[in-house]
Amino acid sequence: MTRIIAAAALATALCACTSQQYAQFNQRVEDSISHALTTQAEPPRIVDGEAEAAAESSLPPSPVPSVTIPTPIPRVTFTPKPRVKQPIAKGGDLVDGAIVCPSLDEVIWLYNRIGSARVARTNMPPQNRQLVMLQDGYDPWEEPDPADYRCQFVPAGTPMNVKWEGGLPVVSGKTADGRPFAGITNPVMIDR
């Protein structure tokens, strides 16, 4: 019986929360265990009416349980996986779309020629341009046609399929009027 009381006292000791309460309760448990071991092995007989009073008086007083405030459970929000954006042709400063050619060198050359022609038309007085055309027999600032150089001009906003090969974007797709295109373009002409 004394061992049961000691075990109950030890189990109640685990619910003490502050170190001072734990130390006080631990001392009481040790005292009750040592007292139980020094007394007789069989407890005295108790009459029916005194059973509850004797049970309450034989147990050491239990410590005041501490109130623990539960921590709030963090809210977890699940966001759907973002859709992969379809790459589209993007215009640059001087060209309003993507230039698609068999090689990157042709793309860069054609971009520079188209850009210089557009700048010359914007900034050069018409008299000077006519004078150069009369002298040379052709307009050096005329914008080249991409089809003459095995290239295509893809308008800005046209969806493209992009596959990277050796660091170069190989693009393919169809323009709004249904013409297919395929080749290499400059990476800055792709809006990802």
Protein backbone atom coordinates (compact mmCIF):
# COMPACT_ATOMS: atom_id res chain seq x y z
CA MET A 1 0.00 0.00 0.00
CA THR A 2 2.83 2.37 0.85
CA ARG A 3 4.43 1.72 -2.50
CA ILE A 4 1.17 2.60 -4.27
CA ILE A 5 1.00 5.85 -2.34
CA ALA A 6 4.63 6.59 -3.19
CA ALA A 7 4.00 5.84 -6.88
CA ALA A 8 0.93 8.11 -6.89
CA ALA A 9 2.94 10.87 -5.27
CA LEU A 10 5.70 10.43 -7.81
CA ALA A 11 3.22 10.57 -10.71
CA THR A 12 1.76 13.79 -9.36
CA ALA A 13 5.25 15.18 -9.05
CA LEU A 14 5.62 15.16 -12.83
CA CYS A 15 2.91 17.82 -13.26
CA ALA A 16 4.77 20.47 -11.22
CA CYS A 17 5.82 23.24 -13.55
CA THR A 18 8.11 25.74 -11.82
CA SER A 19 11.46 24.74 -10.45
CA GLN A 20 10.59 25.99 -6.95
CA GLN A 21 7.34 23.99 -6.90
CA TYR A 22 9.22 20.99 -8.27
CA ALA A 23 11.87 21.22 -5.56
CA GLN A 24 9.26 21.55 -2.78
CA PHE A 25 7.20 18.69 -4.14
CA ASN A 26 10.28 16.53 -4.66
CA GLN A 27 11.21 17.07 -1.03
CA ARG A 28 7.71 16.05 0.08
CA VAL A 29 7.83 12.92 -2.08
CA GLU A 30 11.19 11.91 -0.63
CA ASP A 31 9.90 12.52 2.89
CA SER A 32 6.76 10.45 2.27
CA ILE A 33 8.79 7.62 0.72
CA SER A 34 11.26 7.54 3.60
CA HIS A 35 8.37 7.73 6.10
CA ALA A 36 6.57 4.86 4.34
CA LEU A 37 9.69 2.71 4.39
CA THR A 38 10.27 3.25 8.13
CA THR A 39 6.68 2.46 9.19
CA GLN A 40 5.05 -0.96 9.39
CA ALA A 41 4.35 -2.87 6.19
CA GLU A 42 0.59 -3.33 6.77
CA PRO A 43 -1.65 -0.27 7.07
CA PRO A 44 -4.10 -0.06 10.00
CA ARG A 45 -7.76 -1.10 9.50
CA ILE A 46 -10.20 1.68 8.78
CA VAL A 47 -13.92 1.67 9.52
CA ASP A 48 -16.29 2.37 6.60
CA GLY A 49 -17.12 6.01 7.44
CA GLU A 50 -13.50 6.93 8.03
CA ALA A 51 -12.18 5.47 4.76
CA GLU A 52 -12.44 8.65 2.72
CA ALA A 53 -11.09 10.89 5.47
CA ALA A 54 -8.16 8.56 6.10
CA ALA A 55 -7.34 8.32 2.39
CA GLU A 56 -7.28 12.10 2.08
CA SER A 57 -5.16 12.57 5.21
CA SER A 58 -2.59 9.89 4.29
CA LEU A 59 -1.71 11.43 0.91
CA PRO A 60 0.56 14.41 0.80
CA PRO A 61 -1.09 17.58 -0.51
CA SER A 62 -0.88 17.78 -4.28
CA PRO A 63 0.78 20.78 -5.85
CA VAL A 64 -1.27 23.43 -7.56
CA PRO A 65 -1.31 22.58 -11.26
CA SER A 66 -0.06 25.29 -13.52
CA VAL A 67 -2.12 26.51 -16.41
CA THR A 68 -0.42 26.24 -19.77
CA ILE A 69 -1.68 28.34 -22.62
CA PRO A 70 -1.64 26.32 -25.81
CA THR A 71 0.34 27.84 -28.62
CA PRO A 72 -1.74 28.64 -31.66
CA ILE A 73 -1.41 26.27 -34.58
CA PRO A 74 0.17 28.12 -37.50
CA ARG A 75 -2.05 28.46 -40.52
CA VAL A 76 -0.79 26.76 -43.63
CA THR A 77 -2.04 27.98 -46.94
CA PHE A 78 -1.49 25.96 -50.03
CA THR A 79 -0.93 27.87 -53.21
CA PRO A 80 -1.34 26.10 -56.50
CA LYS A 81 1.71 25.57 -58.60
CA PRO A 82 2.05 28.53 -60.95
CA ARG A 83 1.39 27.86 -64.57
CA VAL A 84 4.38 27.80 -66.82
CA LYS A 85 4.32 30.95 -68.88
CA GLN A 86 4.30 30.43 -72.63
CA PRO A 87 7.34 32.21 -74.10
CA ILE A 88 6.44 34.89 -76.62
CA ALA A 89 8.39 36.98 -79.11
CA LYS A 90 9.58 40.24 -77.61
CA GLY A 91 10.64 43.38 -79.38
CA GLY A 92 13.76 45.32 -78.58
CA ASP A 93 14.68 48.98 -78.80
CA LEU A 94 14.90 49.12 -82.58
CA VAL A 95 13.05 45.99 -83.68
CA ASP A 96 9.46 45.26 -82.68
CA GLY A 97 9.60 41.46 -82.70
CA ALA A 98 11.97 38.51 -82.90
CA ILE A 99 14.29 37.74 -85.77
CA VAL A 100 14.57 33.98 -86.42
CA CYS A 101 17.49 32.77 -88.58
CA PRO A 102 19.51 29.56 -89.14
CA SER A 103 22.42 30.99 -87.05
CA LEU A 104 22.92 33.51 -84.28
CA ASP A 105 25.43 35.46 -86.41
CA GLU A 106 22.76 36.12 -89.04
CA VAL A 107 20.32 37.23 -86.32
CA ILE A 108 22.82 39.74 -84.93
CA TRP A 109 23.82 41.03 -88.37
CA LEU A 110 20.19 41.47 -89.47
CA TYR A 111 19.28 43.14 -86.15
CA ASN A 112 22.12 45.66 -86.58
CA ARG A 113 21.17 46.39 -90.22
CA ILE A 114 17.48 46.90 -89.42
CA GLY A 115 18.35 49.05 -86.40
CA SER A 116 20.78 51.29 -88.30
CA ALA A 117 18.27 51.71 -91.17
CA ARG A 118 15.51 52.76 -88.76
CA VAL A 119 17.79 55.20 -86.95
CA ALA A 120 19.01 56.70 -90.26
CA ARG A 121 15.46 57.16 -91.54
CA THR A 122 14.49 58.87 -88.31
CA ASN A 123 17.51 61.16 -87.93
CA MET A 124 18.84 61.79 -91.47
CA PRO A 125 17.37 64.71 -93.45
CA PRO A 126 15.66 63.52 -96.68
CA GLN A 127 17.98 65.67 -98.89
CA ASN A 128 21.10 63.94 -97.58
CA ARG A 129 19.52 60.53 -98.07
CA GLN A 130 18.58 61.36 -101.68
CA LEU A 131 22.10 62.65 -102.35
CA VAL A 132 23.65 59.38 -101.12
CA MET A 133 21.18 57.37 -103.22
CA LEU A 134 22.15 59.38 -106.35
CA GLN A 135 25.89 58.96 -105.67
CA ASP A 136 25.88 55.25 -104.85
CA GLY A 137 22.93 54.13 -106.93
CA TYR A 138 21.12 52.48 -104.01
CA ASP A 139 19.79 53.40 -100.57
CA PRO A 140 22.32 52.10 -97.99
CA TRP A 141 19.81 52.76 -95.19
CA GLU A 142 16.99 50.75 -96.70
CA GLU A 143 15.69 48.16 -94.24
CA PRO A 144 16.69 44.64 -95.42
CA ASP A 145 14.07 41.98 -96.02
CA PRO A 146 14.68 39.02 -93.64
CA ALA A 147 13.51 36.54 -96.32
CA ASP A 148 16.51 37.55 -98.50
CA TYR A 149 18.80 36.18 -95.79
CA ARG A 150 16.89 32.91 -94.97
CA CYS A 151 15.37 34.59 -91.90
CA GLN A 152 11.90 35.42 -90.67
CA PHE A 153 10.53 38.29 -88.66
CA VAL A 154 8.15 37.14 -85.89
CA PRO A 155 5.88 39.92 -84.54
CA ALA A 156 6.00 40.75 -80.83
CA GLY A 157 3.52 38.73 -78.76
CA THR A 158 3.63 35.61 -80.96
CA PRO A 159 3.77 32.38 -78.85
CA MET A 160 6.97 30.36 -79.35
CA ASN A 161 8.21 26.93 -78.39
CA VAL A 162 11.75 27.30 -77.01
CA LYS A 163 14.35 24.56 -76.75
CA TRP A 164 17.81 25.43 -75.48
CA GLU A 165 20.64 23.72 -77.34
CA GLY A 166 24.23 24.61 -76.51
CA GLY A 167 23.16 27.84 -74.81
CA LEU A 168 21.21 29.03 -77.87
CA PRO A 169 17.42 29.27 -78.00
CA VAL A 170 15.97 27.24 -80.85
CA VAL A 171 12.43 28.49 -81.40
CA SER A 172 9.49 27.25 -83.45
CA GLY A 173 5.83 28.05 -83.89
CA LYS A 174 3.33 29.77 -86.16
CA THR A 175 2.65 33.46 -86.72
CA ALA A 176 -0.85 34.92 -86.45
CA ASP A 177 -1.38 34.49 -90.21
CA GLY A 178 -0.42 30.78 -90.03
CA ARG A 179 3.13 30.90 -91.41
CA PRO A 180 5.42 28.45 -89.57
CA PHE A 181 8.83 29.57 -88.33
CA ALA A 182 11.80 27.70 -86.87
CA GLY A 183 15.40 28.62 -86.13
CA ILE A 184 17.66 30.41 -83.69
CA THR A 185 16.93 33.82 -82.19
CA ASN A 186 18.62 36.18 -79.80
CA PRO A 187 17.74 35.33 -76.14
CA VAL A 188 16.74 38.97 -75.49
CA MET A 189 13.99 38.60 -78.12
CA ILE A 190 12.15 36.03 -76.00
CA ASP A 191 9.82 37.10 -73.21
CA ARG A 192 9.81 34.27 -70.68
